[in-house]
C-alpha cells in the first residue's frame, strides 16, 4: 500500500452524521439501502446508496450515527445520486459493518 503524508489525510473530510431516513433500494444491481444522513447545519442532509443489507435493515438504521466521507464528488448509482461514502469494515463473512462513534456526538463532527 502506498504511504501518504498528513496533508493527504487532511484532504479527506470524514464526518459523523445521523441516519434520518432509510429505504430499501431494490433497483440496485446488488442489494442496497438508500440512506439520508444529517450532518448538521454546515453540511446538511446528504444521500448514499450502501450495500449493507446483510447486517442491517432500513428500519434499524434510523437514528444510528455513522461516519462518512463527505467530500467525494456525487456518483450516480442507478437512478439514485449518491453524495457521500458511508464507511464500514468487513465482518467475518466479508459483509459490511458500519463505523460510528461509540457514544452520541454532534452531527457534522470531523474525524481527527
N, C-alpha and C. Protein backbone atom coordinates (compact mmCIF):
# COMPACT_ATOMS: atom_id res chain seq x y z
N UNK A 1 0.84 -1.17 0.00
CA UNK A 1 0.00 0.00 0.00
C UNK A 1 0.89 1.24 0.00
N UNK A 2 0.50 2.23 -0.78
CA UNK A 2 1.27 3.47 -0.85
C UNK A 2 1.13 4.24 0.46
N UNK A 3 2.22 4.88 0.86
CA UNK A 3 2.19 5.75 2.04
C UNK A 3 1.68 7.12 1.63
N UNK A 4 0.99 7.76 2.55
CA UNK A 4 0.55 9.13 2.32
C UNK A 4 1.12 9.99 3.45
N UNK A 5 1.16 11.29 3.22
CA UNK A 5 1.59 12.15 4.32
C UNK A 5 0.36 12.77 4.98
N UNK A 6 0.58 13.49 6.06
CA UNK A 6 -0.54 14.03 6.83
C UNK A 6 -1.38 14.99 6.01
N UNK A 7 -0.78 15.75 5.12
CA UNK A 7 -1.54 16.67 4.27
C UNK A 7 -2.52 15.91 3.38
N UNK A 8 -2.14 14.71 2.90
CA UNK A 8 -3.06 13.89 2.11
C UNK A 8 -4.26 13.47 2.96
N UNK A 9 -4.00 13.08 4.19
CA UNK A 9 -5.08 12.67 5.10
C UNK A 9 -6.06 13.81 5.34
N UNK A 10 -5.54 15.03 5.49
CA UNK A 10 -6.40 16.19 5.75
C UNK A 10 -7.33 16.52 4.59
N UNK A 11 -7.02 16.03 3.40
CA UNK A 11 -7.88 16.28 2.23
C UNK A 11 -9.17 15.47 2.30
N UNK A 12 -9.17 14.39 3.06
CA UNK A 12 -10.36 13.53 3.18
C UNK A 12 -11.21 14.05 4.33
N UNK A 13 -12.42 14.53 4.01
CA UNK A 13 -13.31 15.10 5.01
C UNK A 13 -14.27 14.01 5.50
N UNK A 14 -13.99 13.48 6.68
CA UNK A 14 -14.77 12.40 7.27
C UNK A 14 -15.54 12.96 8.45
N UNK A 15 -16.88 12.82 8.39
CA UNK A 15 -17.75 13.42 9.41
C UNK A 15 -18.73 12.41 9.98
N UNK A 16 -19.25 12.73 11.16
CA UNK A 16 -20.32 11.94 11.76
C UNK A 16 -21.67 12.54 11.36
N UNK A 17 -22.64 11.67 11.19
CA UNK A 17 -23.99 12.10 10.89
C UNK A 17 -24.98 11.07 11.38
N UNK A 18 -26.23 11.48 11.43
CA UNK A 18 -27.31 10.60 11.89
C UNK A 18 -28.21 10.24 10.72
N UNK A 19 -28.48 8.95 10.58
CA UNK A 19 -29.39 8.47 9.54
C UNK A 19 -30.80 8.93 9.93
N UNK A 20 -31.41 9.76 9.04
CA UNK A 20 -32.76 10.26 9.32
C UNK A 20 -33.81 9.58 8.45
N UNK A 21 -33.36 8.91 7.40
CA UNK A 21 -34.28 8.19 6.51
C UNK A 21 -33.50 7.05 5.87
N UNK A 22 -34.14 5.92 5.67
CA UNK A 22 -33.52 4.77 5.01
C UNK A 22 -34.60 3.97 4.31
N UNK A 23 -34.29 3.56 3.07
CA UNK A 23 -35.25 2.80 2.27
C UNK A 23 -34.53 1.69 1.52
N UNK A 24 -35.16 0.54 1.38
CA UNK A 24 -34.59 -0.49 0.51
C UNK A 24 -34.41 0.08 -0.90
N UNK A 25 -33.40 -0.41 -1.60
CA UNK A 25 -33.13 0.02 -2.98
C UNK A 25 -33.14 -1.20 -3.88
N UNK A 26 -34.34 -1.74 -4.17
CA UNK A 26 -34.45 -2.99 -4.93
C UNK A 26 -33.98 -2.86 -6.38
N UNK A 27 -33.93 -1.65 -6.92
CA UNK A 27 -33.50 -1.47 -8.30
C UNK A 27 -31.98 -1.57 -8.47
N UNK A 28 -31.24 -1.54 -7.38
CA UNK A 28 -29.77 -1.62 -7.45
C UNK A 28 -29.34 -2.99 -7.96
N UNK A 29 -28.19 -3.04 -8.64
CA UNK A 29 -27.67 -4.33 -9.14
C UNK A 29 -27.39 -5.31 -8.01
N UNK A 30 -26.83 -4.82 -6.92
CA UNK A 30 -26.60 -5.63 -5.72
C UNK A 30 -27.51 -5.08 -4.63
N UNK A 31 -28.00 -5.92 -3.72
CA UNK A 31 -28.89 -5.43 -2.67
C UNK A 31 -28.28 -4.24 -1.93
N UNK A 32 -29.09 -3.19 -1.77
CA UNK A 32 -28.60 -1.96 -1.16
C UNK A 32 -29.72 -1.27 -0.39
N UNK A 33 -29.30 -0.29 0.39
CA UNK A 33 -30.24 0.56 1.13
C UNK A 33 -29.89 2.01 0.80
N UNK A 34 -30.91 2.81 0.50
CA UNK A 34 -30.72 4.24 0.30
C UNK A 34 -30.77 4.92 1.67
N UNK A 35 -29.77 5.76 1.93
CA UNK A 35 -29.67 6.45 3.21
C UNK A 35 -29.70 7.96 3.02
N UNK A 36 -30.35 8.64 3.94
CA UNK A 36 -30.29 10.10 4.05
C UNK A 36 -29.67 10.38 5.41
N UNK A 37 -28.51 11.05 5.41
CA UNK A 37 -27.75 11.25 6.64
C UNK A 37 -27.65 12.75 6.92
N UNK A 38 -28.00 13.14 8.15
CA UNK A 38 -27.93 14.54 8.57
C UNK A 38 -26.58 14.82 9.20
N UNK A 39 -25.83 15.75 8.58
CA UNK A 39 -24.52 16.14 9.09
C UNK A 39 -24.54 17.51 9.77
N UNK A 40 -25.70 17.96 10.19
CA UNK A 40 -25.80 19.23 10.90
C UNK A 40 -25.91 20.42 9.96
N UNK A 41 -25.91 21.61 10.54
CA UNK A 41 -26.17 22.85 9.80
C UNK A 41 -25.14 23.14 8.71
N UNK A 42 -23.87 22.89 8.96
CA UNK A 42 -22.82 23.24 8.00
C UNK A 42 -22.94 22.46 6.69
N UNK A 43 -23.22 21.17 6.77
CA UNK A 43 -23.25 20.30 5.59
C UNK A 43 -24.67 19.94 5.19
N UNK A 44 -25.54 19.75 6.15
CA UNK A 44 -26.92 19.39 5.87
C UNK A 44 -27.11 17.90 5.64
N UNK A 45 -28.19 17.56 4.95
CA UNK A 45 -28.52 16.15 4.69
C UNK A 45 -27.92 15.74 3.36
N UNK A 46 -27.24 14.60 3.37
CA UNK A 46 -26.65 14.02 2.15
C UNK A 46 -27.15 12.60 2.00
N UNK A 47 -27.15 12.11 0.73
CA UNK A 47 -27.67 10.78 0.40
C UNK A 47 -26.54 9.82 0.05
N UNK A 48 -26.83 8.53 0.28
CA UNK A 48 -25.88 7.47 -0.09
C UNK A 48 -26.64 6.19 -0.40
N UNK A 49 -26.09 5.40 -1.30
CA UNK A 49 -26.55 4.05 -1.54
C UNK A 49 -25.49 3.13 -0.95
N UNK A 50 -25.91 2.24 -0.06
CA UNK A 50 -24.95 1.39 0.64
C UNK A 50 -25.35 -0.08 0.55
N UNK A 51 -24.38 -0.93 0.21
CA UNK A 51 -24.60 -2.37 0.13
C UNK A 51 -24.38 -2.98 1.52
N UNK A 52 -25.36 -2.77 2.38
CA UNK A 52 -25.25 -3.16 3.79
C UNK A 52 -26.40 -4.06 4.25
N UNK A 53 -27.10 -4.66 3.30
CA UNK A 53 -28.31 -5.43 3.64
C UNK A 53 -28.03 -6.73 4.40
N UNK A 54 -26.81 -7.22 4.38
CA UNK A 54 -26.52 -8.48 5.10
C UNK A 54 -26.61 -8.29 6.60
N UNK A 55 -26.25 -7.09 7.09
CA UNK A 55 -26.23 -6.85 8.53
C UNK A 55 -27.24 -5.83 9.03
N UNK A 56 -27.96 -5.16 8.12
CA UNK A 56 -28.85 -4.08 8.52
C UNK A 56 -30.15 -4.10 7.73
N UNK A 57 -31.21 -3.62 8.38
CA UNK A 57 -32.46 -3.34 7.68
C UNK A 57 -32.61 -1.81 7.65
N UNK A 58 -33.39 -1.34 6.71
CA UNK A 58 -33.61 0.10 6.60
C UNK A 58 -34.18 0.65 7.91
N UNK A 59 -35.15 -0.04 8.47
CA UNK A 59 -35.81 0.44 9.69
C UNK A 59 -34.83 0.56 10.86
N UNK A 60 -33.92 -0.39 10.98
CA UNK A 60 -32.99 -0.40 12.11
C UNK A 60 -31.93 0.70 12.02
N UNK A 61 -31.76 1.29 10.85
CA UNK A 61 -30.72 2.32 10.66
C UNK A 61 -31.18 3.72 11.09
N UNK A 62 -32.47 3.94 11.18
CA UNK A 62 -32.97 5.26 11.55
C UNK A 62 -32.47 5.63 12.95
N UNK A 63 -31.85 6.81 13.05
CA UNK A 63 -31.32 7.28 14.33
C UNK A 63 -29.90 6.85 14.62
N UNK A 64 -29.35 5.98 13.82
CA UNK A 64 -27.98 5.50 14.02
C UNK A 64 -26.97 6.54 13.53
N UNK A 65 -25.93 6.76 14.30
CA UNK A 65 -24.86 7.64 13.85
C UNK A 65 -23.84 6.83 13.05
N UNK A 66 -23.40 7.41 11.94
CA UNK A 66 -22.43 6.77 11.06
C UNK A 66 -21.30 7.75 10.77
N UNK A 67 -20.26 7.22 10.15
CA UNK A 67 -19.11 8.02 9.73
C UNK A 67 -19.03 7.92 8.22
N UNK A 68 -18.82 9.07 7.56
CA UNK A 68 -18.82 9.06 6.09
C UNK A 68 -17.85 10.09 5.54
N UNK A 69 -17.34 9.80 4.33
CA UNK A 69 -16.56 10.78 3.59
C UNK A 69 -17.57 11.69 2.89
N UNK A 70 -17.46 12.99 3.14
CA UNK A 70 -18.45 13.93 2.61
C UNK A 70 -17.93 14.79 1.47
N UNK A 71 -16.65 14.63 1.09
CA UNK A 71 -16.12 15.50 0.03
C UNK A 71 -15.73 14.75 -1.24
N UNK A 72 -16.31 13.59 -1.48
CA UNK A 72 -16.19 12.94 -2.79
C UNK A 72 -17.21 13.60 -3.73
N UNK A 73 -16.94 13.60 -5.03
CA UNK A 73 -17.97 14.09 -5.95
C UNK A 73 -19.16 13.13 -5.97
N UNK A 74 -20.38 13.63 -6.22
CA UNK A 74 -21.55 12.74 -6.30
C UNK A 74 -21.36 11.68 -7.37
N UNK A 75 -22.00 10.52 -7.14
CA UNK A 75 -21.88 9.39 -8.06
C UNK A 75 -23.26 8.81 -8.32
N UNK A 76 -23.57 8.64 -9.58
CA UNK A 76 -24.87 8.07 -9.96
C UNK A 76 -24.85 6.57 -9.73
N UNK A 77 -25.79 6.09 -8.91
CA UNK A 77 -25.95 4.66 -8.64
C UNK A 77 -27.34 4.29 -9.13
N UNK A 78 -27.43 3.81 -10.36
CA UNK A 78 -28.74 3.56 -10.97
C UNK A 78 -29.45 4.89 -11.14
N UNK A 79 -30.66 4.98 -10.61
CA UNK A 79 -31.43 6.23 -10.69
C UNK A 79 -31.25 7.09 -9.45
N UNK A 80 -30.30 6.75 -8.59
CA UNK A 80 -30.10 7.43 -7.32
C UNK A 80 -28.73 8.10 -7.31
N UNK A 81 -28.68 9.36 -6.89
CA UNK A 81 -27.41 10.08 -6.80
C UNK A 81 -26.85 9.93 -5.40
N UNK A 82 -25.69 9.26 -5.29
CA UNK A 82 -25.02 9.06 -4.02
C UNK A 82 -24.03 10.22 -3.82
N UNK A 83 -24.14 10.90 -2.66
CA UNK A 83 -23.35 12.10 -2.41
C UNK A 83 -22.24 11.89 -1.39
N UNK A 84 -22.28 10.80 -0.66
CA UNK A 84 -21.29 10.52 0.39
C UNK A 84 -20.91 9.04 0.34
N UNK A 85 -19.82 8.71 1.01
CA UNK A 85 -19.41 7.31 1.16
C UNK A 85 -19.47 6.97 2.64
N UNK A 86 -20.47 6.18 3.02
CA UNK A 86 -20.59 5.73 4.40
C UNK A 86 -19.54 4.64 4.61
N UNK A 87 -18.82 4.73 5.72
CA UNK A 87 -17.68 3.85 5.96
C UNK A 87 -18.03 2.63 6.81
N UNK A 88 -17.36 1.54 6.51
CA UNK A 88 -17.54 0.30 7.25
C UNK A 88 -16.33 -0.58 7.11
N UNK A 89 -16.34 -1.68 7.83
CA UNK A 89 -15.28 -2.68 7.76
C UNK A 89 -15.94 -4.04 7.59
N UNK A 90 -15.22 -5.03 7.03
CA UNK A 90 -15.83 -6.34 6.82
C UNK A 90 -15.94 -7.14 8.12
N UNK A 91 -17.07 -7.86 8.24
CA UNK A 91 -17.20 -8.81 9.34
C UNK A 91 -16.54 -10.13 8.95
N UNK A 92 -16.73 -11.18 9.73
CA UNK A 92 -16.07 -12.47 9.46
C UNK A 92 -16.52 -13.10 8.14
N UNK A 93 -17.65 -12.64 7.60
CA UNK A 93 -18.15 -13.15 6.31
C UNK A 93 -17.87 -12.20 5.16
N UNK A 94 -17.16 -11.12 5.43
CA UNK A 94 -16.85 -10.14 4.39
C UNK A 94 -17.97 -9.14 4.14
N UNK A 95 -18.97 -9.13 5.00
CA UNK A 95 -20.09 -8.20 4.86
C UNK A 95 -19.83 -6.92 5.65
N UNK A 96 -20.39 -5.81 5.21
CA UNK A 96 -20.11 -4.51 5.80
C UNK A 96 -20.71 -4.36 7.20
N UNK A 97 -19.86 -3.90 8.12
CA UNK A 97 -20.27 -3.44 9.44
C UNK A 97 -19.95 -1.95 9.48
N UNK A 98 -20.96 -1.13 9.71
CA UNK A 98 -20.79 0.31 9.67
C UNK A 98 -19.92 0.82 10.81
N UNK A 99 -19.16 1.87 10.51
CA UNK A 99 -18.38 2.55 11.54
C UNK A 99 -19.20 3.69 12.10
N UNK A 100 -19.05 3.93 13.39
CA UNK A 100 -19.74 5.03 14.04
C UNK A 100 -19.17 5.25 15.42
N UNK A 101 -19.47 6.41 16.00
CA UNK A 101 -18.97 6.69 17.35
C UNK A 101 -19.61 5.76 18.37
N UNK A 102 -18.91 5.52 19.48
CA UNK A 102 -19.45 4.61 20.49
C UNK A 102 -20.35 5.32 21.50
N UNK A 103 -20.50 6.64 21.36
CA UNK A 103 -21.49 7.39 22.12
C UNK A 103 -21.99 8.53 21.24
N UNK A 104 -23.13 9.12 21.60
CA UNK A 104 -23.73 10.19 20.81
C UNK A 104 -22.78 11.38 20.75
N UNK A 105 -22.56 11.89 19.53
CA UNK A 105 -21.72 13.07 19.31
C UNK A 105 -22.49 14.03 18.41
N UNK A 106 -22.09 15.31 18.37
CA UNK A 106 -22.79 16.24 17.49
C UNK A 106 -22.64 15.85 16.01
N UNK A 107 -23.75 15.95 15.27
CA UNK A 107 -23.68 15.69 13.84
C UNK A 107 -22.78 16.71 13.17
N UNK A 108 -22.00 16.23 12.20
CA UNK A 108 -21.08 17.10 11.47
C UNK A 108 -19.69 17.14 12.03
N UNK A 109 -19.46 16.48 13.16
CA UNK A 109 -18.12 16.48 13.75
C UNK A 109 -17.12 15.84 12.80
N UNK A 110 -15.98 16.51 12.62
CA UNK A 110 -14.95 16.00 11.70
C UNK A 110 -14.02 15.04 12.43
N UNK A 111 -13.72 13.92 11.78
CA UNK A 111 -12.82 12.92 12.33
C UNK A 111 -11.40 13.47 12.35
N UNK A 112 -10.70 13.21 13.43
CA UNK A 112 -9.27 13.54 13.54
C UNK A 112 -8.59 12.51 14.38
